[in-house]
Amino acid sequence: MNSFMKWFHKWGSPPWFYRVSGKMLPWLTGLFVITLVYGLYAGLVLAPADYQQGDSFRIIYVHVPAAWMGMFIYMVMAAAALVHLVWRMKMADVVLISSAPIGAAFAFIALVTGSLWGKPMWGTWWTWDARLTSELLLLFIYLGIIALHSAVEDRQSAGRATAVLTLVGVVNIPIIHYSVVWWNTLHQGTTVMRLDGPAMAPEMLWPLLSMAIAFKLYYVIVMMLSARGEILARETKSRWVRELVGGE
């Protein structure tokens, strides 16, 4: 077994995940605070006002990273679903269900901030735009995954069912991403991840990237905390948990 597979299987071990995540959390929290403070200060204070939108464009520093995270977390969940179905790793199911509420929260934030931004730009709070509609569908898929996992009493059956639903729902991710290309939409096109380079000034771009990193760190932190709680609930009768509780 090569070193990558050893590392991969270690993450599938609940005791190893619990121990390593506990060591990582303080460092991740420190990085999160640094990137968040810089992103907010640089975006809300240092970045110049947009020549067309004025200061209202600053909502981009919450809206865009939240929208990115809604898709990113779903892809993490899809990967976890595949691992769970193929290799039967317990930690994959834990990561999947621990990620779902966080992804739903980011999708909801993206929709709300998009609505707030759309009112002055488009003159309406909501329109059945391709990007907005597919983002709303993403939120419903998240909620469906959470509801399905809670509705099935048997843990193994719940894990398999939510994994299958997650993989089915992944078809919506490219629709969200390419909706501004495939359809005539009010939503602006890609401004950061372009082949010819970002269409944003550096003083506006760097705070956005910092906020994107901060949101990813936040996801990892909250997911790990939730996963650690889920592990303890599932492994209550395990020897390592009894030793851990006894040691505390």
C-alpha atoms as a PDB file:
ATOM      1  CA  MET A   1       0.000   0.000   0.000  1.00  0.00           C
ATOM      2  CA  ASN A   2       1.516   3.335  -1.062  1.00  0.00           C
ATOM      3  CA  SER A   3       1.784   6.361   1.214  1.00  0.00           C
ATOM      4  CA  PHE A   4      -1.259   8.096  -0.291  1.00  0.00           C
ATOM      5  CA  MET A   5      -3.529   5.118   0.354  1.00  0.00           C
ATOM      6  CA  LYS A   6      -2.227   4.835   3.912  1.00  0.00           C
ATOM      7  CA  TRP A   7      -3.015   8.522   4.452  1.00  0.00           C
ATOM      8  CA  PHE A   8      -6.423   8.051   2.811  1.00  0.00           C
ATOM      9  CA  HIS A   9      -7.350   5.135   5.044  1.00  0.00           C
ATOM     10  CA  LYS A  10      -6.129   6.967   8.152  1.00  0.00           C
ATOM     11  CA  TRP A  11      -8.739   9.675   7.537  1.00  0.00           C
ATOM     12  CA  GLY A  12     -11.314   6.892   7.447  1.00  0.00           C
ATOM     13  CA  SER A  13     -10.472   5.953  11.032  1.00  0.00           C
ATOM     14  CA  PRO A  14     -12.735   7.735  13.575  1.00  0.00           C
ATOM     15  CA  PRO A  15     -10.122   7.696  16.401  1.00  0.00           C
ATOM     16  CA  TRP A  16      -7.408   9.054  14.098  1.00  0.00           C
ATOM     17  CA  PHE A  17      -9.720  11.734  12.671  1.00  0.00           C
ATOM     18  CA  TYR A  18     -10.798  12.777  16.158  1.00  0.00           C
ATOM     19  CA  ARG A  19      -7.223  13.056  17.398  1.00  0.00           C
ATOM     20  CA  VAL A  20      -5.776  14.847  14.359  1.00  0.00           C
ATOM     21  CA  SER A  21      -8.721  17.234  13.922  1.00  0.00           C
ATOM     22  CA  GLY A  22      -8.375  18.283  17.555  1.00  0.00           C
ATOM     23  CA  LYS A  23      -4.764  19.293  16.892  1.00  0.00           C
ATOM     24  CA  MET A  24      -5.664  21.119  13.674  1.00  0.00           C
ATOM     25  CA  LEU A  25      -8.602  23.159  14.950  1.00  0.00           C
ATOM     26  CA  PRO A  26      -6.630  25.859  16.861  1.00  0.00           C
ATOM     27  CA  TRP A  27      -4.400  26.520  13.842  1.00  0.00           C
ATOM     28  CA  LEU A  28      -7.324  26.596  11.436  1.00  0.00           C
ATOM     29  CA  THR A  29      -9.198  28.988  13.728  1.00  0.00           C
ATOM     30  CA  GLY A  30      -6.229  31.353  13.846  1.00  0.00           C
ATOM     31  CA  LEU A  31      -5.931  31.373  10.049  1.00  0.00           C
ATOM     32  CA  PHE A  32      -9.675  31.900   9.737  1.00  0.00           C
ATOM     33  CA  VAL A  33      -9.604  34.981  11.978  1.00  0.00           C
ATOM     34  CA  ILE A  34      -6.647  36.483  10.094  1.00  0.00           C
ATOM     35  CA  THR A  35      -8.122  35.995   6.621  1.00  0.00           C
ATOM     36  CA  LEU A  36     -11.584  37.125   7.719  1.00  0.00           C
ATOM     37  CA  VAL A  37     -10.359  40.334   9.381  1.00  0.00           C
ATOM     38  CA  TYR A  38      -8.159  41.223   6.409  1.00  0.00           C
ATOM     39  CA  GLY A  39     -10.870  40.402   3.872  1.00  0.00           C
ATOM     40  CA  LEU A  40     -13.533  42.453   5.646  1.00  0.00           C
ATOM     41  CA  TYR A  41     -11.267  45.447   6.306  1.00  0.00           C
ATOM     42  CA  ALA A  42      -9.726  45.493   2.834  1.00  0.00           C
ATOM     43  CA  GLY A  43     -13.070  44.910   1.137  1.00  0.00           C
ATOM     44  CA  LEU A  44     -15.248  47.268   3.162  1.00  0.00           C
ATOM     45  CA  VAL A  45     -12.707  50.011   3.899  1.00  0.00           C
ATOM     46  CA  LEU A  46      -9.651  49.924   1.633  1.00  0.00           C
ATOM     47  CA  ALA A  47     -11.170  48.841  -1.698  1.00  0.00           C
ATOM     48  CA  PRO A  48     -12.377  51.760  -3.845  1.00  0.00           C
ATOM     49  CA  ALA A  49     -16.030  52.132  -4.763  1.00  0.00           C
ATOM     50  CA  ASP A  50     -17.099  50.620  -8.073  1.00  0.00           C
ATOM     51  CA  TYR A  51     -17.415  53.175 -10.851  1.00  0.00           C
ATOM     52  CA  GLN A  52     -20.926  51.943 -11.747  1.00  0.00           C
ATOM     53  CA  GLN A  53     -22.367  50.440  -8.558  1.00  0.00           C
ATOM     54  CA  GLY A  54     -20.702  52.650  -5.971  1.00  0.00           C
ATOM     55  CA  ASP A  55     -20.404  51.152  -2.493  1.00  0.00           C
ATOM     56  CA  SER A  56     -23.280  48.726  -3.059  1.00  0.00           C
ATOM     57  CA  PHE A  57     -20.835  46.406  -4.849  1.00  0.00           C
ATOM     58  CA  ARG A  58     -19.210  45.576  -1.484  1.00  0.00           C
ATOM     59  CA  ILE A  59     -21.821  42.912  -0.855  1.00  0.00           C
ATOM     60  CA  ILE A  60     -19.726  40.892  -3.299  1.00  0.00           C
ATOM     61  CA  TYR A  61     -17.359  40.050  -0.429  1.00  0.00           C
ATOM     62  CA  VAL A  62     -20.084  37.958   1.207  1.00  0.00           C
ATOM     63  CA  HIS A  63     -22.269  36.970  -1.742  1.00  0.00           C
ATOM     64  CA  VAL A  64     -19.640  35.547  -4.083  1.00  0.00           C
ATOM     65  CA  PRO A  65     -17.664  33.501  -1.505  1.00  0.00           C
ATOM     66  CA  ALA A  66     -20.958  32.152  -0.114  1.00  0.00           C
ATOM     67  CA  ALA A  67     -22.068  31.117  -3.614  1.00  0.00           C
ATOM     68  CA  TRP A  68     -18.700  29.466  -4.242  1.00  0.00           C
ATOM     69  CA  MET A  69     -18.941  27.620  -0.947  1.00  0.00           C
ATOM     70  CA  GLY A  70     -22.434  26.334  -1.694  1.00  0.00           C
ATOM     71  CA  MET A  71     -21.022  24.532  -4.745  1.00  0.00           C
ATOM     72  CA  PHE A  72     -17.670  23.598  -3.181  1.00  0.00           C
ATOM     73  CA  ILE A  73     -19.238  21.936  -0.147  1.00  0.00           C
ATOM     74  CA  TYR A  74     -21.624  20.000  -2.350  1.00  0.00           C
ATOM     75  CA  MET A  75     -18.689  18.633  -4.347  1.00  0.00           C
ATOM     76  CA  VAL A  76     -17.016  17.584  -1.088  1.00  0.00           C
ATOM     77  CA  MET A  77     -20.245  15.828  -0.133  1.00  0.00           C
ATOM     78  CA  ALA A  78     -20.417  14.118  -3.524  1.00  0.00           C
ATOM     79  CA  ALA A  79     -16.861  12.842  -3.109  1.00  0.00           C
ATOM     80  CA  ALA A  80     -17.720  11.612   0.397  1.00  0.00           C
ATOM     81  CA  ALA A  81     -20.850   9.920  -0.956  1.00  0.00           C
ATOM     82  CA  LEU A  82     -18.812   8.085  -3.578  1.00  0.00           C
ATOM     83  CA  VAL A  83     -16.240   6.975  -0.989  1.00  0.00           C
ATOM     84  CA  HIS A  84     -19.023   5.812   1.330  1.00  0.00           C
ATOM     85  CA  LEU A  85     -20.732   3.741  -1.365  1.00  0.00           C
ATOM     86  CA  VAL A  86     -17.540   2.228  -2.788  1.00  0.00           C
ATOM     87  CA  TRP A  87     -15.290   1.735   0.247  1.00  0.00           C
ATOM     88  CA  ARG A  88     -17.938   1.749   3.022  1.00  0.00           C
ATOM     89  CA  MET A  89     -15.926   4.214   5.096  1.00  0.00           C
ATOM     90  CA  LYS A  90     -17.847   5.396   8.142  1.00  0.00           C
ATOM     91  CA  MET A  91     -16.054   8.742   8.160  1.00  0.00           C
ATOM     92  CA  ALA A  92     -17.281   9.506   4.636  1.00  0.00           C
ATOM     93  CA  ASP A  93     -20.886   9.357   5.823  1.00  0.00           C
ATOM     94  CA  VAL A  94     -19.963  11.495   8.837  1.00  0.00           C
ATOM     95  CA  VAL A  95     -18.338  14.138   6.616  1.00  0.00           C
ATOM     96  CA  LEU A  96     -21.306  14.110   4.236  1.00  0.00           C
ATOM     97  CA  ILE A  97     -24.000  14.673   6.840  1.00  0.00           C
ATOM     98  CA  SER A  98     -21.845  17.097   8.858  1.00  0.00           C
ATOM     99  CA  SER A  99     -21.309  19.207   5.725  1.00  0.00           C
ATOM    100  CA  ALA A 100     -24.939  19.391   4.575  1.00  0.00           C
ATOM    101  CA  PRO A 101     -26.233  22.010   7.068  1.00  0.00           C
ATOM    102  CA  ILE A 102     -23.181  24.216   6.434  1.00  0.00           C
ATOM    103  CA  GLY A 103     -23.685  24.000   2.675  1.00  0.00           C
ATOM    104  CA  ALA A 104     -27.371  24.810   3.070  1.00  0.00           C
ATOM    105  CA  ALA A 105     -26.480  27.866   5.167  1.00  0.00           C
ATOM    106  CA  PHE A 106     -24.047  29.142   2.528  1.00  0.00           C
ATOM    107  CA  ALA A 107     -26.581  28.568  -0.266  1.00  0.00           C
ATOM    108  CA  PHE A 108     -29.181  30.498   1.747  1.00  0.00           C
ATOM    109  CA  ILE A 109     -26.741  33.366   2.369  1.00  0.00           C
ATOM    110  CA  ALA A 110     -25.909  33.480  -1.337  1.00  0.00           C
ATOM    111  CA  LEU A 111     -29.603  33.733  -2.230  1.00  0.00           C
ATOM    112  CA  VAL A 112     -30.359  36.431   0.361  1.00  0.00           C
ATOM    113  CA  THR A 113     -27.329  38.575  -0.457  1.00  0.00           C
ATOM    114  CA  GLY A 114     -27.986  38.086  -4.161  1.00  0.00           C
ATOM    115  CA  SER A 115     -31.521  39.355  -3.655  1.00  0.00           C
ATOM    116  CA  LEU A 116     -30.250  42.385  -1.719  1.00  0.00           C
ATOM    117  CA  TRP A 117     -27.735  43.090  -4.471  1.00  0.00           C
ATOM    118  CA  GLY A 118     -30.241  42.475  -7.244  1.00  0.00           C
ATOM    119  CA  LYS A 119     -32.764  45.051  -6.031  1.00  0.00           C
ATOM    120  CA  PRO A 120     -30.660  48.151  -6.853  1.00  0.00           C
ATOM    121  CA  MET A 121     -29.058  46.517  -9.910  1.00  0.00           C
ATOM    122  CA  TRP A 122     -32.086  44.875 -11.550  1.00  0.00           C
ATOM    123  CA  GLY A 123     -34.934  46.732  -9.863  1.00  0.00           C
ATOM    124  CA  THR A 124     -36.404  43.567  -8.341  1.00  0.00           C
ATOM    125  CA  TRP A 125     -35.744  41.321  -5.357  1.00  0.00           C
ATOM    126  CA  TRP A 126     -36.169  38.120  -7.360  1.00  0.00           C
ATOM    127  CA  THR A 127     -36.375  36.949 -10.930  1.00  0.00           C
ATOM    128  CA  TRP A 128     -36.490  33.410 -12.299  1.00  0.00           C
ATOM    129  CA  ASP A 129     -33.026  33.840 -13.702  1.00  0.00           C
ATOM    130  CA  ALA A 130     -31.173  30.619 -14.611  1.00  0.00           C
ATOM    131  CA  ARG A 131     -28.419  31.189 -12.027  1.00  0.00           C
ATOM    132  CA  LEU A 132     -30.842  32.151  -9.245  1.00  0.00           C
ATOM    133  CA  THR A 133     -33.218  29.286  -9.978  1.00  0.00           C
ATOM    134  CA  SER A 134     -30.464  26.663 -10.022  1.00  0.00           C
ATOM    135  CA  GLU A 135     -29.020  28.107  -6.793  1.00  0.00           C
ATOM    136  CA  LEU A 136     -32.467  27.842  -5.179  1.00  0.00           C
ATOM    137  CA  LEU A 137     -32.643  24.233  -6.366  1.00  0.00           C
ATOM    138  CA  LEU A 138     -29.279  23.623  -4.691  1.00  0.00           C
ATOM    139  CA  LEU A 139     -30.701  24.841  -1.381  1.00  0.00           C
ATOM    140  CA  PHE A 140     -33.687  22.490  -1.757  1.00  0.00           C
ATOM    141  CA  ILE A 141     -31.336  19.567  -2.496  1.00  0.00           C
ATOM    142  CA  TYR A 142     -29.354  20.353   0.650  1.00  0.00           C
ATOM    143  CA  LEU A 143     -32.544  20.432   2.704  1.00  0.00           C
ATOM    144  CA  GLY A 144     -33.719  17.195   1.088  1.00  0.00           C
ATOM    145  CA  ILE A 145     -30.473  15.441   2.036  1.00  0.00           C
ATOM    146  CA  ILE A 146     -30.774  16.631   5.640  1.00  0.00           C
ATOM    147  CA  ALA A 147     -34.437  15.590   5.825  1.00  0.00           C
ATOM    148  CA  LEU A 148     -33.791  12.180   4.266  1.00  0.00           C
ATOM    149  CA  HIS A 149     -30.952  11.390   6.656  1.00  0.00           C
ATOM    150  CA  SER A 150     -33.141  12.340   9.621  1.00  0.00           C
ATOM    151  CA  ALA A 151     -36.157  10.395   8.370  1.00  0.00           C
ATOM    152  CA  VAL A 152     -34.440   7.009   8.021  1.00  0.00           C
ATOM    153  CA  GLU A 153     -33.906   5.407  11.419  1.00  0.00           C
ATOM    154  CA  ASP A 154     -31.363   2.772  10.437  1.00  0.00           C
ATOM    155  CA  ARG A 155     -27.983   4.506  10.231  1.00  0.00           C
ATOM    156  CA  GLN A 156     -26.558   2.351   7.439  1.00  0.00           C
ATOM    157  CA  SER A 157     -29.685   2.722   5.298  1.00  0.00           C
ATOM    158  CA  ALA A 158     -29.725   6.472   5.939  1.00  0.00           C
ATOM    159  CA  GLY A 159     -26.085   6.726   4.887  1.00  0.00           C
ATOM    160  CA  ARG A 160     -26.641   4.856   1.629  1.00  0.00           C
ATOM    161  CA  ALA A 161     -29.817   6.774   0.785  1.00  0.00           C
ATOM    162  CA  THR A 162     -28.278  10.192   1.372  1.00  0.00           C
ATOM    163  CA  ALA A 163     -25.155   9.183  -0.574  1.00  0.00           C
ATOM    164  CA  VAL A 164     -27.265   8.195  -3.584  1.00  0.00           C
ATOM    165  CA  LEU A 165     -29.340  11.399  -3.396  1.00  0.00           C
ATOM    166  CA  THR A 166     -26.174  13.474  -3.130  1.00  0.00           C
ATOM    167  CA  LEU A 167     -24.691  11.889  -6.250  1.00  0.00           C
ATOM    168  CA  VAL A 168     -27.945  12.399  -8.166  1.00  0.00           C
ATOM    169  CA  GLY A 169     -28.051  16.062  -7.162  1.00  0.00           C
ATOM    170  CA  VAL A 170     -24.494  16.745  -8.328  1.00  0.00           C
ATOM    171  CA  VAL A 171     -25.845  17.302 -11.853  1.00  0.00           C
ATOM    172  CA  ASN A 172     -27.058  20.710 -10.649  1.00  0.00           C
ATOM    173  CA  ILE A 173     -23.517  21.988  -9.958  1.00  0.00           C
ATOM    174  CA  PRO A 174     -22.408  22.437 -13.595  1.00  0.00           C
ATOM    175  CA  ILE A 175     -25.816  23.949 -14.330  1.00  0.00           C
ATOM    176  CA  ILE A 176     -25.182  26.626 -11.690  1.00  0.00           C
ATOM    177  CA  HIS A 177     -21.642  27.258 -12.890  1.00  0.00           C
ATOM    178  CA  TYR A 178     -22.371  27.447 -16.620  1.00  0.00           C
ATOM    179  CA  SER A 179     -25.869  28.948 -16.441  1.00  0.00           C
ATOM    180  CA  VAL A 180     -24.564  32.406 -17.390  1.00  0.00           C
ATOM    181  CA  VAL A 181     -22.975  30.855 -20.505  1.00  0.00           C
ATOM    182  CA  TRP A 182     -25.754  28.495 -21.589  1.00  0.00           C
ATOM    183  CA  TRP A 183     -28.688  30.896 -21.153  1.00  0.00           C
ATOM    184  CA  ASN A 184     -29.458  34.571 -21.602  1.00  0.00           C
ATOM    185  CA  THR A 185     -29.366  35.690 -17.983  1.00  0.00           C
ATOM    186  CA  LEU A 186     -29.418  38.898 -15.965  1.00  0.00           C
ATOM    187  CA  HIS A 187     -26.641  37.555 -13.777  1.00  0.00           C
ATOM    188  CA  GLN A 188     -23.184  38.853 -14.638  1.00  0.00           C
ATOM    189  CA  GLY A 189     -20.652  36.463 -16.118  1.00  0.00           C
ATOM    190  CA  THR A 190     -17.477  35.117 -14.559  1.00  0.00           C
ATOM    191  CA  THR A 191     -15.124  37.853 -13.383  1.00  0.00           C
ATOM    192  CA  VAL A 192     -12.477  35.932 -11.413  1.00  0.00           C
ATOM    193  CA  MET A 193     -11.847  32.470 -12.888  1.00  0.00           C
ATOM    194  CA  ARG A 194     -11.284  33.497 -16.505  1.00  0.00           C
ATOM    195  CA  LEU A 195      -8.771  32.153 -18.993  1.00  0.00           C
ATOM    196  CA  ASP A 196      -7.618  35.681 -19.797  1.00  0.00           C
ATOM    197  CA  GLY A 197      -7.259  36.620 -16.132  1.00  0.00           C
ATOM    198  CA  PRO A 198      -9.584  38.199 -13.553  1.00  0.00           C
ATOM    199  CA  ALA A 199     -11.655  41.204 -14.656  1.00  0.00           C
ATOM    200  CA  MET A 200     -11.232  42.906 -11.277  1.00  0.00           C
ATOM    201  CA  ALA A 201      -8.695  45.407 -10.020  1.00  0.00           C
ATOM    202  CA  PRO A 202      -6.173  43.831  -7.599  1.00  0.00           C
ATOM    203  CA  GLU A 203      -7.305  46.062  -4.721  1.00  0.00           C
ATOM    204  CA  MET A 204     -10.791  44.577  -5.136  1.00  0.00           C
ATOM    205  CA  LEU A 205      -9.702  41.038  -6.015  1.00  0.00           C
ATOM    206  CA  TRP A 206      -7.401  40.304  -3.066  1.00  0.00           C
ATOM    207  CA  PRO A 207     -10.041  40.973  -0.389  1.00  0.00           C
ATOM    208  CA  LEU A 208     -12.438  38.715  -2.317  1.00  0.00           C
ATOM    209  CA  LEU A 209      -9.911  35.884  -2.418  1.00  0.00           C
ATOM    210  CA  SER A 210      -9.158  36.397   1.278  1.00  0.00           C
ATOM    211  CA  MET A 211     -12.862  36.114   2.103  1.00  0.00           C
ATOM    212  CA  ALA A 212     -13.092  32.971  -0.036  1.00  0.00           C
ATOM    213  CA  ILE A 213     -10.247  31.406   1.958  1.00  0.00           C
ATOM    214  CA  ALA A 214     -11.857  32.521   5.236  1.00  0.00           C
ATOM    215  CA  PHE A 215     -15.171  30.909   4.260  1.00  0.00           C
ATOM    216  CA  LYS A 216     -13.410  27.656   3.359  1.00  0.00           C
ATOM    217  CA  LEU A 217     -11.580  27.641   6.683  1.00  0.00           C
ATOM    218  CA  TYR A 218     -14.873  28.307   8.461  1.00  0.00           C
ATOM    219  CA  TYR A 219     -16.418  25.331   6.690  1.00  0.00           C
ATOM    220  CA  VAL A 220     -13.546  23.017   7.643  1.00  0.00           C
ATOM    221  CA  ILE A 221     -13.661  24.176  11.279  1.00  0.00           C
ATOM    222  CA  VAL A 222     -17.426  23.778  11.700  1.00  0.00           C
ATOM    223  CA  MET A 223     -17.480  20.509   9.751  1.00  0.00           C
ATOM    224  CA  MET A 224     -14.727  19.076  11.964  1.00  0.00           C
ATOM    225  CA  LEU A 225     -16.502  20.160  15.140  1.00  0.00           C
ATOM    226  CA  SER A 226     -19.768  18.639  13.930  1.00  0.00           C
ATOM    227  CA  ALA A 227     -18.008  15.470  12.768  1.00  0.00           C
ATOM    228  CA  ARG A 228     -16.261  15.085  16.114  1.00  0.00           C
ATOM    229  CA  GLY A 229     -19.624  15.240  17.882  1.00  0.00           C
ATOM    230  CA  GLU A 230     -21.130  12.770  15.418  1.00  0.00           C
ATOM    231  CA  ILE A 231     -18.207  10.390  15.933  1.00  0.00           C
ATOM    232  CA  LEU A 232     -18.641  10.413  19.703  1.00  0.00           C
ATOM    233  CA  ALA A 233     -22.381   9.760  19.306  1.00  0.00           C
ATOM    234  CA  ARG A 234     -21.763   6.823  16.971  1.00  0.00           C
ATOM    235  CA  GLU A 235     -18.769   5.361  18.801  1.00  0.00           C
ATOM    236  CA  THR A 236     -20.146   5.687  22.340  1.00  0.00           C
ATOM    237  CA  LYS A 237     -19.549   2.026  23.147  1.00  0.00           C
ATOM    238  CA  SER A 238     -16.107   1.888  21.570  1.00  0.00           C
ATOM    239  CA  ARG A 239     -13.105   1.344  23.796  1.00  0.00           C
ATOM    240  CA  TRP A 240     -11.262   4.448  22.586  1.00  0.00           C
ATOM    241  CA  VAL A 241     -14.252   6.670  23.416  1.00  0.00           C
ATOM    242  CA  ARG A 242     -14.564   5.175  26.894  1.00  0.00           C
ATOM    243  CA  GLU A 243     -10.843   5.747  27.419  1.00  0.00           C
ATOM    244  CA  LEU A 244     -11.172   9.301  26.109  1.00  0.00           C
ATOM    245  CA  VAL A 245     -14.071  10.103  28.435  1.00  0.00           C
ATOM    246  CA  GLY A 246     -12.306   8.400  31.318  1.00  0.00           C
ATOM    247  CA  GLY A 247      -9.162  10.399  30.628  1.00  0.00           C
ATOM    248  CA  GLU A 248     -11.096  13.649  30.619  1.00  0.00           C
END
